[in-house]
Amino acid sequence: MWNQRVARRKHKRFQAPRGVFVGVGPDFVKVGLLGDISIDGLAFRYVGNGEALIGSYVELFMAEGDFYLGNLPIDIVSNIELAGDIFSNSNEALRRCSMKFKKLTSQQRAKLQEFVDRHAVGEA
């Protein structure tokens, strides 16, 4: 099944540099670390207990640096628990959420492409 998803992708995914965060909106219901990204979508890791992740857009920002890109409309494709990554004193686990972008504006698309060109650290 994984190979089928890869085969359906139009654009390559790239590994994100450290320190890039994803906030799921509205109201930053979850914040996590960006794992990989393409012009079509992204995946990020966050701590959660299996509740449904609800959001209509994401915001990308760097801990250090001047990059911010907000209001990227998304559809959530998958939201899975990463096996073996349970935090000891809670019922929360590390999860991976994959999303695809919906219709982006030309400005959003250009800024997203600039982010990939300037900050990606290799193919995912």
PDB file of N, CA and C in Angstrom:
ATOM      1  N   MET A   1       0.824  -1.189   0.000  1.00  0.00           N
ATOM      2  CA  MET A   1       0.000   0.000   0.000  1.00  0.00           C
ATOM      3  C   MET A   1       0.871   1.256   0.000  1.00  0.00           C
ATOM      4  N   TRP A   2       1.976   1.240   0.756  1.00  0.00           N
ATOM      5  CA  TRP A   2       2.855   2.393   0.791  1.00  0.00           C
ATOM      6  C   TRP A   2       3.362   2.709  -0.603  1.00  0.00           C
ATOM      7  N   ASN A   3       3.749   1.671  -1.357  1.00  0.00           N
ATOM      8  CA  ASN A   3       4.243   1.893  -2.716  1.00  0.00           C
ATOM      9  C   ASN A   3       3.185   2.514  -3.612  1.00  0.00           C
ATOM     10  N   GLN A   4       1.920   2.164  -3.380  1.00  0.00           N
ATOM     11  CA  GLN A   4       0.843   2.761  -4.167  1.00  0.00           C
ATOM     12  C   GLN A   4       0.744   4.254  -3.895  1.00  0.00           C
ATOM     13  N   ARG A   5       0.911   4.656  -2.616  1.00  0.00           N
ATOM     14  CA  ARG A   5       0.852   6.074  -2.286  1.00  0.00           C
ATOM     15  C   ARG A   5       1.996   6.822  -2.942  1.00  0.00           C
ATOM     16  N   VAL A   6       3.184   6.250  -2.865  1.00  0.00           N
ATOM     17  CA  VAL A   6       4.339   6.890  -3.479  1.00  0.00           C
ATOM     18  C   VAL A   6       4.134   7.016  -4.975  1.00  0.00           C
ATOM     19  N   ALA A   7       3.605   5.980  -5.606  1.00  0.00           N
ATOM     20  CA  ALA A   7       3.385   6.000  -7.047  1.00  0.00           C
ATOM     21  C   ALA A   7       2.364   7.068  -7.443  1.00  0.00           C
ATOM     22  N   ARG A   8       1.409   7.388  -6.560  1.00  0.00           N
ATOM     23  CA  ARG A   8       0.388   8.381  -6.876  1.00  0.00           C
ATOM     24  C   ARG A   8       0.877   9.810  -6.711  1.00  0.00           C
ATOM     25  N   ARG A   9       1.979  10.014  -6.022  1.00  0.00           N
ATOM     26  CA  ARG A   9       2.464  11.365  -5.787  1.00  0.00           C
ATOM     27  C   ARG A   9       2.966  11.999  -7.078  1.00  0.00           C
ATOM     28  N   LYS A  10       2.615  13.250  -7.258  1.00  0.00           N
ATOM     29  CA  LYS A  10       3.053  13.992  -8.438  1.00  0.00           C
ATOM     30  C   LYS A  10       4.428  14.617  -8.212  1.00  0.00           C
ATOM     31  N   HIS A  11       4.733  14.960  -6.957  1.00  0.00           N
ATOM     32  CA  HIS A  11       5.970  15.664  -6.643  1.00  0.00           C
ATOM     33  C   HIS A  11       6.748  14.913  -5.571  1.00  0.00           C
ATOM     34  N   LYS A  12       8.062  15.034  -5.628  1.00  0.00           N
ATOM     35  CA  LYS A  12       8.929  14.399  -4.635  1.00  0.00           C
ATOM     36  C   LYS A  12       8.719  15.027  -3.273  1.00  0.00           C
ATOM     37  N   ARG A  13       8.869  14.193  -2.247  1.00  0.00           N
ATOM     38  CA  ARG A  13       8.856  14.689  -0.877  1.00  0.00           C
ATOM     39  C   ARG A  13      10.286  14.892  -0.419  1.00  0.00           C
ATOM     40  N   PHE A  14      10.477  15.896   0.413  1.00  0.00           N
ATOM     41  CA  PHE A  14      11.802  16.232   0.913  1.00  0.00           C
ATOM     42  C   PHE A  14      11.801  16.246   2.433  1.00  0.00           C
ATOM     43  N   GLN A  15      12.923  15.856   3.026  1.00  0.00           N
ATOM     44  CA  GLN A  15      13.078  15.892   4.467  1.00  0.00           C
ATOM     45  C   GLN A  15      13.164  17.340   4.909  1.00  0.00           C
ATOM     46  N   ALA A  16      12.537  17.611   6.016  1.00  0.00           N
ATOM     47  CA  ALA A  16      12.562  18.966   6.554  1.00  0.00           C
ATOM     48  C   ALA A  16      13.774  19.137   7.465  1.00  0.00           C
ATOM     49  N   PRO A  17      14.293  20.351   7.532  1.00  0.00           N
ATOM     50  CA  PRO A  17      15.369  20.602   8.487  1.00  0.00           C
ATOM     51  C   PRO A  17      14.811  20.589   9.919  1.00  0.00           C
ATOM     52  N   ARG A  18      15.702  20.488  10.873  1.00  0.00           N
ATOM     53  CA  ARG A  18      15.270  20.535  12.274  1.00  0.00           C
ATOM     54  C   ARG A  18      14.707  21.903  12.613  1.00  0.00           C
ATOM     55  N   GLY A  19      13.768  21.903  13.544  1.00  0.00           N
ATOM     56  CA  GLY A  19      13.261  23.168  14.038  1.00  0.00           C
ATOM     57  C   GLY A  19      12.156  23.791  13.230  1.00  0.00           C
ATOM     58  N   VAL A  20      11.521  23.012  12.347  1.00  0.00           N
ATOM     59  CA  VAL A  20      10.376  23.534  11.597  1.00  0.00           C
ATOM     60  C   VAL A  20       9.119  22.926  12.215  1.00  0.00           C
ATOM     61  N   PHE A  21       8.193  23.774  12.614  1.00  0.00           N
ATOM     62  CA  PHE A  21       6.984  23.343  13.297  1.00  0.00           C
ATOM     63  C   PHE A  21       5.762  23.486  12.405  1.00  0.00           C
ATOM     64  N   VAL A  22       4.790  22.639  12.678  1.00  0.00           N
ATOM     65  CA  VAL A  22       3.497  22.669  12.010  1.00  0.00           C
ATOM     66  C   VAL A  22       2.446  22.909  13.082  1.00  0.00           C
ATOM     67  N   GLY A  23       1.625  23.909  12.890  1.00  0.00           N
ATOM     68  CA  GLY A  23       0.491  24.165  13.771  1.00  0.00           C
ATOM     69  C   GLY A  23      -0.779  23.901  12.993  1.00  0.00           C
ATOM     70  N   VAL A  24      -1.661  23.088  13.575  1.00  0.00           N
ATOM     71  CA  VAL A  24      -2.909  22.746  12.903  1.00  0.00           C
ATOM     72  C   VAL A  24      -3.997  23.685  13.412  1.00  0.00           C
ATOM     73  N   GLY A  25      -4.686  24.324  12.482  1.00  0.00           N
ATOM     74  CA  GLY A  25      -5.713  25.289  12.860  1.00  0.00           C
ATOM     75  C   GLY A  25      -7.087  24.839  12.450  1.00  0.00           C
ATOM     76  N   PRO A  26      -8.047  25.487  12.981  1.00  0.00           N
ATOM     77  CA  PRO A  26      -7.914  26.736  13.704  1.00  0.00           C
ATOM     78  C   PRO A  26      -7.436  26.532  15.145  1.00  0.00           C
ATOM     79  N   ASP A  27      -6.913  27.574  15.719  1.00  0.00           N
ATOM     80  CA  ASP A  27      -6.539  27.627  17.134  1.00  0.00           C
ATOM     81  C   ASP A  27      -5.403  26.694  17.527  1.00  0.00           C
ATOM     82  N   PHE A  28      -4.541  26.305  16.584  1.00  0.00           N
ATOM     83  CA  PHE A  28      -3.391  25.458  16.913  1.00  0.00           C
ATOM     84  C   PHE A  28      -3.792  24.283  17.807  1.00  0.00           C
ATOM     85  N   VAL A  29      -4.752  23.491  17.345  1.00  0.00           N
ATOM     86  CA  VAL A  29      -5.209  22.344  18.134  1.00  0.00           C
ATOM     87  C   VAL A  29      -4.088  21.352  18.385  1.00  0.00           C
ATOM     88  N   LYS A  30      -3.109  21.289  17.510  1.00  0.00           N
ATOM     89  CA  LYS A  30      -1.904  20.470  17.686  1.00  0.00           C
ATOM     90  C   LYS A  30      -0.736  21.192  17.054  1.00  0.00           C
ATOM     91  N   VAL A  31       0.414  21.028  17.667  1.00  0.00           N
ATOM     92  CA  VAL A  31       1.661  21.548  17.114  1.00  0.00           C
ATOM     93  C   VAL A  31       2.653  20.404  17.147  1.00  0.00           C
ATOM     94  N   GLY A  32       3.398  20.258  16.078  1.00  0.00           N
ATOM     95  CA  GLY A  32       4.387  19.202  16.016  1.00  0.00           C
ATOM     96  C   GLY A  32       5.528  19.580  15.097  1.00  0.00           C
ATOM     97  N   LEU A  33       6.434  18.628  14.900  1.00  0.00           N
ATOM     98  CA  LEU A  33       7.617  18.852  14.068  1.00  0.00           C
ATOM     99  C   LEU A  33       7.388  18.347  12.650  1.00  0.00           C
ATOM    100  N   LEU A  34       7.733  19.179  11.689  1.00  0.00           N
ATOM    101  CA  LEU A  34       7.626  18.806  10.287  1.00  0.00           C
ATOM    102  C   LEU A  34       8.595  17.674   9.983  1.00  0.00           C
ATOM    103  N   GLY A  35       8.111  16.619   9.324  1.00  0.00           N
ATOM    104  CA  GLY A  35       8.954  15.488   8.947  1.00  0.00           C
ATOM    105  C   GLY A  35       9.381  15.570   7.502  1.00  0.00           C
ATOM    106  N   ASP A  36       8.401  15.673   6.612  1.00  0.00           N
ATOM    107  CA  ASP A  36       8.714  15.819   5.197  1.00  0.00           C
ATOM    108  C   ASP A  36       7.651  16.674   4.534  1.00  0.00           C
ATOM    109  N   ILE A  37       8.025  17.178   3.359  1.00  0.00           N
ATOM    110  CA  ILE A  37       7.143  18.146   2.691  1.00  0.00           C
ATOM    111  C   ILE A  37       7.345  18.075   1.182  1.00  0.00           C
ATOM    112  N   SER A  38       6.295  18.389   0.453  1.00  0.00           N
ATOM    113  CA  SER A  38       6.365  18.574  -0.992  1.00  0.00           C
ATOM    114  C   SER A  38       5.445  19.734  -1.330  1.00  0.00           C
ATOM    115  N   ILE A  39       5.367  20.045  -2.586  1.00  0.00           N
ATOM    116  CA  ILE A  39       4.473  21.116  -3.014  1.00  0.00           C
ATOM    117  C   ILE A  39       3.012  20.679  -2.889  1.00  0.00           C
ATOM    118  N   ASP A  40       2.784  19.358  -2.716  1.00  0.00           N
ATOM    119  CA  ASP A  40       1.425  18.815  -2.609  1.00  0.00           C
ATOM    120  C   ASP A  40       0.964  18.508  -1.192  1.00  0.00           C
ATOM    121  N   GLY A  41       1.899  18.374  -0.243  1.00  0.00           N
ATOM    122  CA  GLY A  41       1.486  18.003   1.099  1.00  0.00           C
ATOM    123  C   GLY A  41       2.657  17.890   2.047  1.00  0.00           C
ATOM    124  N   LEU A  42       2.368  17.413   3.262  1.00  0.00           N
ATOM    125  CA  LEU A  42       3.392  17.293   4.290  1.00  0.00           C
ATOM    126  C   LEU A  42       3.022  16.202   5.271  1.00  0.00           C
ATOM    127  N   ALA A  43       3.988  15.836   6.086  1.00  0.00           N
ATOM    128  CA  ALA A  43       3.764  14.932   7.209  1.00  0.00           C
ATOM    129  C   ALA A  43       4.493  15.519   8.404  1.00  0.00           C
ATOM    130  N   PHE A  44       3.874  15.400   9.576  1.00  0.00           N
ATOM    131  CA  PHE A  44       4.515  15.886  10.788  1.00  0.00           C
ATOM    132  C   PHE A  44       4.261  14.930  11.940  1.00  0.00           C
ATOM    133  N   ARG A  45       5.114  15.026  12.969  1.00  0.00           N
ATOM    134  CA  ARG A  45       5.005  14.190  14.158  1.00  0.00           C
ATOM    135  C   ARG A  45       4.557  15.052  15.327  1.00  0.00           C
ATOM    136  N   TYR A  46       3.693  14.477  16.166  1.00  0.00           N
ATOM    137  CA  TYR A  46       3.208  15.194  17.338  1.00  0.00           C
ATOM    138  C   TYR A  46       2.862  14.189  18.421  1.00  0.00           C
ATOM    139  N   VAL A  47       2.687  14.672  19.630  1.00  0.00           N
ATOM    140  CA  VAL A  47       2.316  13.827  20.752  1.00  0.00           C
ATOM    141  C   VAL A  47       0.802  13.888  20.909  1.00  0.00           C
ATOM    142  N   GLY A  48       0.159  12.721  20.968  1.00  0.00           N
ATOM    143  CA  GLY A  48      -1.293  12.677  21.099  1.00  0.00           C
ATOM    144  C   GLY A  48      -1.756  11.349  21.638  1.00  0.00           C
ATOM    145  N   ASN A  49      -3.010  11.266  21.990  1.00  0.00           N
ATOM    146  CA  ASN A  49      -3.556  10.038  22.581  1.00  0.00           C
ATOM    147  C   ASN A  49      -4.538   9.315  21.669  1.00  0.00           C
ATOM    148  N   GLY A  50      -4.521   9.607  20.411  1.00  0.00           N
ATOM    149  CA  GLY A  50      -5.366   8.888  19.468  1.00  0.00           C
ATOM    150  C   GLY A  50      -6.661   9.590  19.125  1.00  0.00           C
ATOM    151  N   GLU A  51      -6.892  10.767  19.720  1.00  0.00           N
ATOM    152  CA  GLU A  51      -8.102  11.503  19.393  1.00  0.00           C
ATOM    153  C   GLU A  51      -8.046  11.952  17.931  1.00  0.00           C
ATOM    154  N   ALA A  52      -9.206  12.150  17.365  1.00  0.00           N
ATOM    155  CA  ALA A  52      -9.248  12.602  15.970  1.00  0.00           C
ATOM    156  C   ALA A  52      -8.585  13.967  15.872  1.00  0.00           C
ATOM    157  N   LEU A  53      -7.772  14.135  14.875  1.00  0.00           N
ATOM    158  CA  LEU A  53      -7.124  15.417  14.624  1.00  0.00           C
ATOM    159  C   LEU A  53      -7.994  16.176  13.641  1.00  0.00           C
ATOM    160  N   ILE A  54      -8.489  17.293  14.080  1.00  0.00           N
ATOM    161  CA  ILE A  54      -9.403  18.076  13.257  1.00  0.00           C
ATOM    162  C   ILE A  54      -8.751  19.418  12.948  1.00  0.00           C
ATOM    163  N   GLY A  55      -8.738  19.763  11.699  1.00  0.00           N
ATOM    164  CA  GLY A  55      -8.190  21.049  11.299  1.00  0.00           C
ATOM    165  C   GLY A  55      -8.455  21.282   9.829  1.00  0.00           C
ATOM    166  N   SER A  56      -8.497  22.535   9.454  1.00  0.00           N
ATOM    167  CA  SER A  56      -8.767  22.867   8.062  1.00  0.00           C
ATOM    168  C   SER A  56      -7.573  23.539   7.385  1.00  0.00           C
ATOM    169  N   TYR A  57      -6.572  23.898   8.182  1.00  0.00           N
ATOM    170  CA  TYR A  57      -5.379  24.488   7.598  1.00  0.00           C
ATOM    171  C   TYR A  57      -4.196  24.276   8.534  1.00  0.00           C
ATOM    172  N   VAL A  58      -3.004  24.504   8.007  1.00  0.00           N
ATOM    173  CA  VAL A  58      -1.797  24.430   8.817  1.00  0.00           C
ATOM    174  C   VAL A  58      -0.984  25.701   8.640  1.00  0.00           C
ATOM    175  N   GLU A  59      -0.111  25.916   9.597  1.00  0.00           N
ATOM    176  CA  GLU A  59       0.835  27.007   9.547  1.00  0.00           C
ATOM    177  C   GLU A  59       2.217  26.421   9.757  1.00  0.00           C
ATOM    178  N   LEU A  60       3.193  26.858   8.996  1.00  0.00           N
ATOM    179  CA  LEU A  60       4.578  26.404   9.118  1.00  0.00           C
ATOM    180  C   LEU A  60       5.418  27.554   9.658  1.00  0.00           C
ATOM    181  N   PHE A  61       6.286  27.227  10.614  1.00  0.00           N
ATOM    182  CA  PHE A  61       7.175  28.250  11.142  1.00  0.00           C
ATOM    183  C   PHE A  61       8.446  27.605  11.675  1.00  0.00           C
ATOM    184  N   MET A  62       9.522  28.377  11.659  1.00  0.00           N
ATOM    185  CA  MET A  62      10.813  27.890  12.108  1.00  0.00           C
ATOM    186  C   MET A  62      11.108  28.442  13.496  1.00  0.00           C
ATOM    187  N   ALA A  63      11.706  27.571  14.342  1.00  0.00           N
ATOM    188  CA  ALA A  63      12.086  27.999  15.677  1.00  0.00           C
ATOM    189  C   ALA A  63      13.136  29.101  15.605  1.00  0.00           C
ATOM    190  N   GLU A  64      14.085  28.940  14.706  1.00  0.00           N
ATOM    191  CA  GLU A  64      15.104  29.956  14.487  1.00  0.00           C
ATOM    192  C   GLU A  64      15.052  30.334  13.013  1.00  0.00           C
ATOM    193  N   GLY A  65      14.928  31.572  12.772  1.00  0.00           N
ATOM    194  CA  GLY A  65      14.836  32.013  11.390  1.00  0.00           C
ATOM    195  C   GLY A  65      13.618  32.871  11.195  1.00  0.00           C
ATOM    196  N   ASP A  66      13.435  33.275   9.987  1.00  0.00           N
ATOM    197  CA  ASP A  66      12.356  34.216   9.706  1.00  0.00           C
ATOM    198  C   ASP A  66      11.287  33.629   8.805  1.00  0.00           C
ATOM    199  N   PHE A  67      11.171  32.298   8.786  1.00  0.00           N
ATOM    200  CA  PHE A  67      10.190  31.701   7.890  1.00  0.00           C
ATOM    201  C   PHE A  67       8.858  31.484   8.603  1.00  0.00           C
ATOM    202  N   TYR A  68       7.792  31.934   7.960  1.00  0.00           N
ATOM    203  CA  TYR A  68       6.429  31.680   8.422  1.00  0.00           C
ATOM    204  C   TYR A  68       5.545  31.599   7.192  1.00  0.00           C
ATOM    205  N   LEU A  69       4.689  30.602   7.166  1.00  0.00           N
ATOM    206  CA  LEU A  69       3.712  30.464   6.085  1.00  0.00           C
ATOM    207  C   LEU A  69       2.417  29.975   6.702  1.00  0.00           C
ATOM    208  N   GLY A  70       1.374  30.762   6.608  1.00  0.00           N
ATOM    209  CA  GLY A  70       0.125  30.442   7.284  1.00  0.00           C
ATOM    210  C   GLY A  70      -1.036  30.172   6.358  1.00  0.00           C
ATOM    211  N   ASN A  71      -2.081  29.633   6.965  1.00  0.00           N
ATOM    212  CA  ASN A  71      -3.356  29.389   6.295  1.00  0.00           C
ATOM    213  C   ASN A  71      -3.253  28.503   5.064  1.00  0.00           C
ATOM    214  N   LEU A  72      -2.451  27.435   5.143  1.00  0.00           N
ATOM    215  CA  LEU A  72      -2.383  26.475   4.036  1.00  0.00           C
ATOM    216  C   LEU A  72      -3.541  25.495   4.204  1.00  0.00           C
ATOM    217  N   PRO A  73      -4.528  25.523   3.319  1.00  0.00           N
ATOM    218  CA  PRO A  73      -5.679  24.634   3.460  1.00  0.00           C
ATOM    219  C   PRO A  73      -5.268  23.178   3.234  1.00  0.00           C
ATOM    220  N   ILE A  74      -5.786  22.279   4.084  1.00  0.00           N
ATOM    221  CA  ILE A  74      -5.374  20.878   4.019  1.00  0.00           C
ATOM    222  C   ILE A  74      -6.557  19.919   4.153  1.00  0.00           C
ATOM    223  N   ASP A  75      -6.301  18.689   3.718  1.00  0.00           N
ATOM    224  CA  ASP A  75      -7.128  17.529   4.039  1.00  0.00           C
ATOM    225  C   ASP A  75      -6.211  16.546   4.740  1.00  0.00           C
ATOM    226  N   ILE A  76      -6.655  15.969   5.832  1.00  0.00           N
ATOM    227  CA  ILE A  76      -5.858  14.984   6.550  1.00  0.00           C
ATOM    228  C   ILE A  76      -6.012  13.643   5.836  1.00  0.00           C
ATOM    229  N   VAL A  77      -4.883  13.038   5.488  1.00  0.00           N
ATOM    230  CA  VAL A  77      -4.864  11.781   4.751  1.00  0.00           C
ATOM    231  C   VAL A  77      -4.732  10.608   5.705  1.00  0.00           C
ATOM    232  N   SER A  78      -3.824  10.705   6.682  1.00  0.00           N
ATOM    233  CA  SER A  78      -3.660   9.637   7.672  1.00  0.00           C
ATOM    234  C   SER A  78      -3.160  10.230   8.973  1.00  0.00           C
ATOM    235  N   ASN A  79      -3.422   9.509  10.042  1.00  0.00           N
ATOM    236  CA  ASN A  79      -3.006   9.931  11.378  1.00  0.00           C
ATOM    237  C   ASN A  79      -2.768   8.658  12.177  1.00  0.00           C
ATOM    238  N   ILE A  80      -1.502   8.244  12.281  1.00  0.00           N
ATOM    239  CA  ILE A  80      -1.198   6.948  12.875  1.00  0.00           C
ATOM    240  C   ILE A  80      -0.253   7.076  14.067  1.00  0.00           C
ATOM    241  N   GLU A  81      -0.341   6.108  14.959  1.00  0.00           N
ATOM    242  CA  GLU A  81       0.594   6.017  16.070  1.00  0.00           C
ATOM    243  C   GLU A  81       1.858   5.339  15.577  1.00  0.00           C
ATOM    244  N   LEU A  82       2.990   5.886  15.980  1.00  0.00           N
ATOM    245  CA  LEU A  82       4.266   5.292  15.618  1.00  0.00           C
ATOM    246  C   LEU A  82       4.597   4.221  16.651  1.00  0.00           C
ATOM    247  N   ALA A  83       4.727   2.992  16.220  1.00  0.00           N
ATOM    248  CA  ALA A  83       4.922   1.846  17.109  1.00  0.00           C
ATOM    249  C   ALA A  83       6.140   2.046  18.003  1.00  0.00           C
ATOM    250  N   GLY A  84       5.947   1.733  19.278  1.00  0.00           N
ATOM    251  CA  GLY A  84       7.043   1.758  20.231  1.00  0.00           C
ATOM    252  C   GLY A  84       7.391   3.126  20.772  1.00  0.00           C
ATOM    253  N   ASP A  85       6.656   4.147  20.406  1.00  0.00           N
ATOM    254  CA  ASP A  85       6.980   5.494  20.862  1.00  0.00           C
ATOM    255  C   ASP A  85       5.943   6.024  21.852  1.00  0.00           C
ATOM    256  N   ILE A  86       5.735   5.283  22.943  1.00  0.00           N
ATOM    257  CA  ILE A  86       4.795   5.697  23.984  1.00  0.00           C
ATOM    258  C   ILE A  86       5.578   6.427  25.067  1.00  0.00           C
ATOM    259  N   PHE A  87       5.074   7.537  25.530  1.00  0.00           N
ATOM    260  CA  PHE A  87       5.738   8.292  26.579  1.00  0.00           C
ATOM    261  C   PHE A  87       5.410   7.665  27.926  1.00  0.00           C
ATOM    262  N   SER A  88       6.420   7.498  28.770  1.00  0.00           N
ATOM    263  CA  SER A  88       6.328   6.658  29.962  1.00  0.00           C
ATOM    264  C   SER A  88       5.260   7.062  30.961  1.00  0.00           C
ATOM    265  N   ASN A  89       5.094   8.288  31.299  1.00  0.00           N
ATOM    266  CA  ASN A  89       4.160   8.669  32.358  1.00  0.00           C
ATOM    267  C   ASN A  89       2.838   9.216  31.835  1.00  0.00           C
ATOM    268  N   SER A  90       2.435   8.755  30.684  1.00  0.00           N
ATOM    269  CA  SER A  90       1.156   9.210  30.143  1.00  0.00           C
ATOM    270  C   SER A  90       0.638   8.171  29.163  1.00  0.00           C
ATOM    271  N   ASN A  91      -0.560   8.380  28.700  1.00  0.00           N
ATOM    272  CA  ASN A  91      -1.128   7.489  27.696  1.00  0.00           C
ATOM    273  C   ASN A  91      -0.949   8.068  26.292  1.00  0.00           C
ATOM    274  N   GLU A  92      -0.067   9.038  26.178  1.00  0.00           N
ATOM    275  CA  GLU A  92       0.148   9.666  24.888  1.00  0.00           C
ATOM    276  C   GLU A  92       1.302   9.016  24.143  1.00  0.00           C
ATOM    277  N   ALA A  93       1.208   9.036  22.841  1.00  0.00           N
ATOM    278  CA  ALA A  93       2.226   8.413  21.986  1.00  0.00           C
ATOM    279  C   ALA A  93       2.629   9.390  20.899  1.00  0.00           C
ATOM    280  N   LEU A  94       3.746   9.088  20.283  1.00  0.00           N
ATOM    281  CA  LEU A  94       4.164   9.866  19.131  1.00  0.00           C
ATOM    282  C   LEU A  94       3.337   9.412  17.936  1.00  0.00           C
ATOM    283  N   ARG A  95       2.797  10.374  17.225  1.00  0.00           N
ATOM    284  CA  ARG A  95       1.934  10.083  16.086  1.00  0.00           C
ATOM    285  C   ARG A  95       2.491  10.773  14.848  1.00  0.00           C
ATOM    286  N   ARG A  96       2.100  10.258  13.695  1.00  0.00           N
ATOM    287  CA  ARG A  96       2.490  10.848  12.415  1.00  0.00           C
ATOM    288  C   ARG A  96       1.219  11.157  11.637  1.00  0.00           C
ATOM    289  N   CYS A  97       1.079  12.391  11.243  1.00  0.00           N
ATOM    290  CA  CYS A  97      -0.090  12.832  10.486  1.00  0.00           C
ATOM    291  C   CYS A  97       0.364  13.278   9.105  1.00  0.00           C
ATOM    292  N   SER A  98      -0.271  12.735   8.084  1.00  0.00           N
ATOM    293  CA  SER A  98       0.009  13.123   6.693  1.00  0.00           C
ATOM    294  C   SER A  98      -1.173  13.921   6.163  1.00  0.00           C
ATOM    295  N   MET A  99      -0.862  14.957   5.426  1.00  0.00           N
ATOM    296  CA  MET A  99      -1.896  15.837   4.888  1.00  0.00           C
ATOM    297  C   MET A  99      -1.573  16.209   3.457  1.00  0.00           C
ATOM    298  N   LYS A 100      -2.610  16.492   2.713  1.00  0.00           N
ATOM    299  CA  LYS A 100      -2.403  17.033   1.369  1.00  0.00           C
ATOM    300  C   LYS A 100      -2.965  18.441   1.359  1.00  0.00           C
ATOM    301  N   PHE A 101      -2.310  19.279   0.575  1.00  0.00           N
ATOM    302  CA  PHE A 101      -2.774  20.656   0.459  1.00  0.00           C
ATOM    303  C   PHE A 101      -3.960  20.710  -0.481  1.00  0.00           C
ATOM    304  N   LYS A 102      -4.904  21.559  -0.127  1.00  0.00           N
ATOM    305  CA  LYS A 102      -6.006  21.848  -1.031  1.00  0.00           C
ATOM    306  C   LYS A 102      -5.552  23.013  -1.914  1.00  0.00           C
ATOM    307  N   LYS A 103      -6.457  23.703  -2.510  1.00  0.00           N
ATOM    308  CA  LYS A 103      -6.104  24.774  -3.449  1.00  0.00           C
ATOM    309  C   LYS A 103      -5.327  25.881  -2.746  1.00  0.00           C
ATOM    310  N   LEU A 104      -4.056  26.028  -3.149  1.00  0.00           N
ATOM    311  CA  LEU A 104      -3.199  27.078  -2.618  1.00  0.00           C
ATOM    312  C   LEU A 104      -3.240  28.294  -3.532  1.00  0.00           C
ATOM    313  N   THR A 105      -3.054  29.456  -2.935  1.00  0.00           N
ATOM    314  CA  THR A 105      -2.934  30.662  -3.761  1.00  0.00           C
ATOM    315  C   THR A 105      -1.576  30.634  -4.458  1.00  0.00           C
ATOM    316  N   SER A 106      -1.411  31.450  -5.464  1.00  0.00           N
ATOM    317  CA  SER A 106      -0.121  31.497  -6.155  1.00  0.00           C
ATOM    318  C   SER A 106       0.982  31.968  -5.211  1.00  0.00           C
ATOM    319  N   GLN A 107       0.672  32.865  -4.288  1.00  0.00           N
ATOM    320  CA  GLN A 107       1.655  33.336  -3.303  1.00  0.00           C
ATOM    321  C   GLN A 107       2.045  32.210  -2.340  1.00  0.00           C
ATOM    322  N   GLN A 108       1.061  31.452  -1.866  1.00  0.00           N
ATOM    323  CA  GLN A 108       1.359  30.330  -0.977  1.00  0.00           C
ATOM    324  C   GLN A 108       2.220  29.288  -1.685  1.00  0.00           C
ATOM    325  N   ARG A 109       1.859  28.984  -2.907  1.00  0.00           N
ATOM    326  CA  ARG A 109       2.614  27.990  -3.681  1.00  0.00           C
ATOM    327  C   ARG A 109       4.054  28.457  -3.899  1.00  0.00           C
ATOM    328  N   ALA A 110       4.242  29.714  -4.221  1.00  0.00           N
ATOM    329  CA  ALA A 110       5.584  30.256  -4.446  1.00  0.00           C
ATOM    330  C   ALA A 110       6.402  30.233  -3.158  1.00  0.00           C
ATOM    331  N   LYS A 111       5.796  30.605  -2.042  1.00  0.00           N
ATOM    332  CA  LYS A 111       6.529  30.611  -0.767  1.00  0.00           C
ATOM    333  C   LYS A 111       6.836  29.183  -0.322  1.00  0.00           C
ATOM    334  N   LEU A 112       5.932  28.265  -0.570  1.00  0.00           N
ATOM    335  CA  LEU A 112       6.167  26.858  -0.250  1.00  0.00           C
ATOM    336  C   LEU A 112       7.318  26.308  -1.096  1.00  0.00           C
ATOM    337  N   GLN A 113       7.331  26.632  -2.382  1.00  0.00           N
ATOM    338  CA  GLN A 113       8.420  26.188  -3.246  1.00  0.00           C
ATOM    339  C   GLN A 113       9.747  26.794  -2.799  1.00  0.00           C
ATOM    340  N   GLU A 114       9.726  28.039  -2.399  1.00  0.00           N
ATOM    341  CA  GLU A 114      10.933  28.691  -1.894  1.00  0.00           C
ATOM    342  C   GLU A 114      11.440  27.978  -0.635  1.00  0.00           C
ATOM    343  N   PHE A 115      10.518  27.606   0.252  1.00  0.00           N
ATOM    344  CA  PHE A 115      10.911  26.875   1.457  1.00  0.00           C
ATOM    345  C   PHE A 115      11.586  25.560   1.091  1.00  0.00           C
ATOM    346  N   VAL A 116      11.000  24.809   0.184  1.00  0.00           N
ATOM    347  CA  VAL A 116      11.574  23.521  -0.241  1.00  0.00           C
ATOM    348  C   VAL A 116      12.949  23.749  -0.866  1.00  0.00           C
ATOM    349  N   ASP A 117      13.059  24.723  -1.740  1.00  0.00           N
ATOM    350  CA  ASP A 117      14.327  24.998  -2.422  1.00  0.00           C
ATOM    351  C   ASP A 117      15.430  25.420  -1.450  1.00  0.00           C
ATOM    352  N   ARG A 118      15.095  26.230  -0.458  1.00  0.00           N
ATOM    353  CA  ARG A 118      16.099  26.786   0.447  1.00  0.00           C
ATOM    354  C   ARG A 118      16.398  25.912   1.655  1.00  0.00           C
ATOM    355  N   HIS A 119      15.403  25.138   2.133  1.00  0.00           N
ATOM    356  CA  HIS A 119      15.568  24.489   3.431  1.00  0.00           C
ATOM    357  C   HIS A 119      15.527  22.971   3.428  1.00  0.00           C
ATOM    358  N   ALA A 120      15.046  22.351   2.380  1.00  0.00           N
ATOM    359  CA  ALA A 120      14.970  20.873   2.364  1.00  0.00           C
ATOM    360  C   ALA A 120      16.372  20.287   2.491  1.00  0.00           C
ATOM    361  N   VAL A 121      16.460  19.141   3.204  1.00  0.00           N
ATOM    362  CA  VAL A 121      17.777  18.551   3.468  1.00  0.00           C
ATOM    363  C   VAL A 121      17.991  17.241   2.713  1.00  0.00           C
ATOM    364  N   GLY A 122      17.177  16.955   1.737  1.00  0.00           N
ATOM    365  CA  GLY A 122      17.316  15.741   0.939  1.00  0.00           C
ATOM    366  C   GLY A 122      15.959  15.122   0.677  1.00  0.00           C
ATOM    367  N   GLU A 123      15.933  14.174  -0.236  1.00  0.00           N
ATOM    368  CA  GLU A 123      14.670  13.510  -0.551  1.00  0.00           C
ATOM    369  C   GLU A 123      14.232  12.608   0.591  1.00  0.00           C
ATOM    370  N   ALA A 124      12.927  12.514   0.777  1.00  0.00           N
ATOM    371  CA  ALA A 124      12.376  11.658   1.838  1.00  0.00           C
ATOM    372  C   ALA A 124      12.089  10.289   1.281  1.00  0.00           C
TER     373      ALA A 124
END
